[in-house]
Amino acid sequence: MAANVRRYRKALGVSQQDFAYDIEMDRTYFGGVERGERNVSIDNIERIARGLKVSAHLLLMQPDRLAEDGAASPDA
């Protein structure tokens, strides 16, 4: 999940700090999510997905599957 969150956030061109602020999440918690250091609740997965403008299931897919499915960018 961490790699997917980072890829989608970077595709939006937003910093970790600004993104965390936009979705009303503590920046240190969000940074831990992107580094794979946090166990994330389904509620927070949904919050992150909404902020990234993607379906939550895309965050949970294996990163290599995203490229196969054509979902490598938020616009896909």
N, C-alpha and C. Protein backbone atom coordinates (compact mmCIF):
# COMPACT_ATOMS: atom_id res chain seq x y z
N MET A 1 0.81 -1.19 0.00
CA MET A 1 0.00 0.00 0.00
C MET A 1 0.86 1.26 0.00
N ALA A 2 1.95 1.23 0.74
CA ALA A 2 2.80 2.42 0.88
C ALA A 2 3.28 2.93 -0.48
N ALA A 3 3.76 2.02 -1.33
CA ALA A 3 4.27 2.42 -2.64
C ALA A 3 3.17 3.03 -3.50
N ASN A 4 1.97 2.47 -3.41
CA ASN A 4 0.85 2.99 -4.19
C ASN A 4 0.46 4.39 -3.72
N VAL A 5 0.39 4.58 -2.42
CA VAL A 5 0.03 5.89 -1.88
C VAL A 5 1.05 6.93 -2.34
N ARG A 6 2.32 6.59 -2.21
CA ARG A 6 3.37 7.54 -2.60
C ARG A 6 3.28 7.87 -4.10
N ARG A 7 3.09 6.84 -4.93
CA ARG A 7 3.03 7.07 -6.38
C ARG A 7 1.86 7.99 -6.73
N TYR A 8 0.68 7.72 -6.19
CA TYR A 8 -0.48 8.55 -6.50
C TYR A 8 -0.32 9.97 -5.97
N ARG A 9 0.24 10.11 -4.76
CA ARG A 9 0.44 11.46 -4.21
C ARG A 9 1.40 12.25 -5.08
N LYS A 10 2.50 11.62 -5.47
CA LYS A 10 3.48 12.32 -6.31
C LYS A 10 2.88 12.67 -7.67
N ALA A 11 2.02 11.81 -8.19
CA ALA A 11 1.36 12.10 -9.48
C ALA A 11 0.48 13.35 -9.37
N LEU A 12 -0.04 13.60 -8.18
CA LEU A 12 -0.83 14.82 -7.97
C LEU A 12 0.05 16.04 -7.77
N GLY A 13 1.35 15.83 -7.53
CA GLY A 13 2.28 16.93 -7.34
C GLY A 13 2.13 17.63 -6.00
N VAL A 14 1.78 16.86 -4.96
CA VAL A 14 1.54 17.43 -3.64
C VAL A 14 2.55 16.85 -2.65
N SER A 15 3.03 17.69 -1.74
CA SER A 15 3.96 17.21 -0.71
C SER A 15 3.21 16.37 0.32
N GLN A 16 3.95 15.56 1.06
CA GLN A 16 3.34 14.77 2.14
C GLN A 16 2.62 15.69 3.11
N GLN A 17 3.28 16.77 3.50
CA GLN A 17 2.72 17.68 4.48
C GLN A 17 1.41 18.31 3.97
N ASP A 18 1.42 18.81 2.75
CA ASP A 18 0.22 19.43 2.20
C ASP A 18 -0.91 18.43 2.02
N PHE A 19 -0.56 17.22 1.57
CA PHE A 19 -1.59 16.20 1.39
C PHE A 19 -2.21 15.82 2.73
N ALA A 20 -1.38 15.59 3.73
CA ALA A 20 -1.88 15.24 5.06
C ALA A 20 -2.81 16.34 5.59
N TYR A 21 -2.43 17.58 5.39
CA TYR A 21 -3.27 18.70 5.81
C TYR A 21 -4.61 18.68 5.07
N ASP A 22 -4.56 18.44 3.76
CA ASP A 22 -5.78 18.44 2.94
C ASP A 22 -6.77 17.37 3.39
N ILE A 23 -6.27 16.21 3.83
CA ILE A 23 -7.17 15.13 4.24
C ILE A 23 -7.37 15.09 5.75
N GLU A 24 -6.87 16.13 6.42
CA GLU A 24 -7.02 16.26 7.87
C GLU A 24 -6.44 15.07 8.63
N MET A 25 -5.19 14.75 8.29
CA MET A 25 -4.47 13.65 8.92
C MET A 25 -3.13 14.20 9.40
N ASP A 26 -2.69 13.74 10.56
CA ASP A 26 -1.40 14.18 11.09
C ASP A 26 -0.30 13.84 10.09
N ARG A 27 0.58 14.78 9.83
CA ARG A 27 1.62 14.58 8.81
C ARG A 27 2.59 13.48 9.18
N THR A 28 2.89 13.31 10.47
CA THR A 28 3.82 12.25 10.86
C THR A 28 3.17 10.87 10.70
N TYR A 29 1.87 10.80 10.96
CA TYR A 29 1.14 9.54 10.74
C TYR A 29 1.13 9.21 9.26
N PHE A 30 0.82 10.20 8.43
CA PHE A 30 0.77 9.96 6.99
C PHE A 30 2.14 9.57 6.46
N GLY A 31 3.19 10.21 6.93
CA GLY A 31 4.54 9.83 6.52
C GLY A 31 4.83 8.38 6.86
N GLY A 32 4.36 7.93 8.04
CA GLY A 32 4.53 6.54 8.43
C GLY A 32 3.76 5.60 7.52
N VAL A 33 2.60 6.04 7.05
CA VAL A 33 1.82 5.24 6.11
C VAL A 33 2.61 5.05 4.82
N GLU A 34 3.17 6.14 4.31
CA GLU A 34 3.94 6.07 3.06
C GLU A 34 5.21 5.24 3.20
N ARG A 35 5.75 5.16 4.39
CA ARG A 35 6.95 4.35 4.61
C ARG A 35 6.60 2.91 4.99
N GLY A 36 5.33 2.60 5.08
CA GLY A 36 4.89 1.25 5.43
C GLY A 36 5.10 0.92 6.89
N GLU A 37 5.16 1.93 7.72
CA GLU A 37 5.40 1.74 9.16
C GLU A 37 4.12 1.70 9.98
N ARG A 38 2.99 1.95 9.37
CA ARG A 38 1.73 2.04 10.09
C ARG A 38 0.75 0.98 9.63
N ASN A 39 -0.01 0.46 10.57
CA ASN A 39 -1.17 -0.34 10.23
C ASN A 39 -2.32 0.64 10.06
N VAL A 40 -2.92 0.63 8.89
CA VAL A 40 -3.90 1.66 8.54
C VAL A 40 -5.31 1.09 8.61
N SER A 41 -6.19 1.80 9.30
CA SER A 41 -7.59 1.37 9.39
C SER A 41 -8.27 1.57 8.04
N ILE A 42 -9.35 0.85 7.85
CA ILE A 42 -10.11 0.98 6.60
C ILE A 42 -10.65 2.40 6.44
N ASP A 43 -10.99 3.04 7.54
CA ASP A 43 -11.47 4.43 7.47
C ASP A 43 -10.38 5.35 6.93
N ASN A 44 -9.15 5.15 7.39
CA ASN A 44 -8.05 5.99 6.90
C ASN A 44 -7.65 5.64 5.48
N ILE A 45 -7.78 4.38 5.09
CA ILE A 45 -7.53 4.02 3.69
C ILE A 45 -8.52 4.76 2.80
N GLU A 46 -9.77 4.78 3.20
CA GLU A 46 -10.79 5.50 2.42
C GLU A 46 -10.50 6.99 2.37
N ARG A 47 -10.09 7.56 3.49
CA ARG A 47 -9.78 8.99 3.54
C ARG A 47 -8.62 9.32 2.59
N ILE A 48 -7.59 8.49 2.61
CA ILE A 48 -6.44 8.70 1.73
C ILE A 48 -6.86 8.54 0.27
N ALA A 49 -7.62 7.51 -0.02
CA ALA A 49 -8.07 7.28 -1.40
C ALA A 49 -8.89 8.46 -1.93
N ARG A 50 -9.80 8.97 -1.11
CA ARG A 50 -10.60 10.13 -1.54
C ARG A 50 -9.68 11.31 -1.85
N GLY A 51 -8.69 11.54 -0.99
CA GLY A 51 -7.76 12.63 -1.22
C GLY A 51 -6.95 12.45 -2.49
N LEU A 52 -6.63 11.20 -2.81
CA LEU A 52 -5.86 10.89 -4.01
C LEU A 52 -6.73 10.79 -5.26
N LYS A 53 -8.06 10.82 -5.06
CA LYS A 53 -9.02 10.73 -6.16
C LYS A 53 -8.93 9.39 -6.89
N VAL A 54 -8.77 8.30 -6.10
CA VAL A 54 -8.72 6.94 -6.65
C VAL A 54 -9.62 6.06 -5.80
N SER A 55 -9.97 4.91 -6.32
CA SER A 55 -10.72 3.92 -5.56
C SER A 55 -9.80 3.30 -4.52
N ALA A 56 -10.33 3.03 -3.35
CA ALA A 56 -9.53 2.49 -2.25
C ALA A 56 -8.87 1.17 -2.63
N HIS A 57 -9.53 0.35 -3.43
CA HIS A 57 -8.94 -0.95 -3.77
C HIS A 57 -7.63 -0.80 -4.54
N LEU A 58 -7.46 0.30 -5.27
CA LEU A 58 -6.21 0.50 -6.00
C LEU A 58 -5.02 0.68 -5.06
N LEU A 59 -5.27 1.20 -3.87
CA LEU A 59 -4.18 1.38 -2.91
C LEU A 59 -3.72 0.04 -2.35
N LEU A 60 -4.60 -0.95 -2.38
CA LEU A 60 -4.29 -2.25 -1.78
C LEU A 60 -3.71 -3.25 -2.77
N MET A 61 -3.68 -2.91 -4.04
CA MET A 61 -3.17 -3.82 -5.05
C MET A 61 -1.64 -3.88 -5.02
N GLN A 62 -1.09 -4.98 -5.49
CA GLN A 62 0.36 -5.08 -5.66
C GLN A 62 0.78 -4.03 -6.68
N PRO A 63 1.85 -3.28 -6.42
CA PRO A 63 2.25 -2.22 -7.36
C PRO A 63 2.44 -2.70 -8.79
N ASP A 64 2.97 -3.91 -9.01
CA ASP A 64 3.15 -4.40 -10.37
C ASP A 64 1.83 -4.69 -11.06
N ARG A 65 0.79 -5.00 -10.32
CA ARG A 65 -0.54 -5.24 -10.89
C ARG A 65 -1.15 -3.95 -11.40
N LEU A 66 -0.83 -2.82 -10.79
CA LEU A 66 -1.38 -1.55 -11.24
C LEU A 66 -0.96 -1.25 -12.67
N ALA A 67 0.29 -1.51 -12.98
CA ALA A 67 0.77 -1.26 -14.35
C ALA A 67 0.08 -2.18 -15.34
N GLU A 68 -0.14 -3.45 -14.95
CA GLU A 68 -0.82 -4.40 -15.82
C GLU A 68 -2.26 -3.99 -16.07
N ASP A 69 -2.92 -3.43 -15.05
CA ASP A 69 -4.32 -3.06 -15.15
C ASP A 69 -4.52 -1.66 -15.73
N GLY A 70 -3.43 -0.97 -16.04
CA GLY A 70 -3.55 0.35 -16.63
C GLY A 70 -3.95 1.42 -15.63
N ALA A 71 -3.68 1.20 -14.35
CA ALA A 71 -4.08 2.16 -13.31
C ALA A 71 -2.85 2.79 -12.67
N ALA A 72 -1.83 3.07 -13.44
CA ALA A 72 -0.59 3.60 -12.88
C ALA A 72 -0.67 5.07 -12.55
N SER A 73 -1.73 5.74 -12.96
CA SER A 73 -1.87 7.16 -12.63
C SER A 73 -3.30 7.42 -12.18
N PRO A 74 -3.50 8.47 -11.41
CA PRO A 74 -4.85 8.79 -10.94
C PRO A 74 -5.84 9.04 -12.07
N ASP A 75 -5.35 9.40 -13.25
CA ASP A 75 -6.23 9.69 -14.38
C ASP A 75 -6.69 8.44 -15.10
N ALA A 76 -6.10 7.28 -14.77
CA ALA A 76 -6.43 6.04 -15.50
C ALA A 76 -7.80 5.55 -15.16
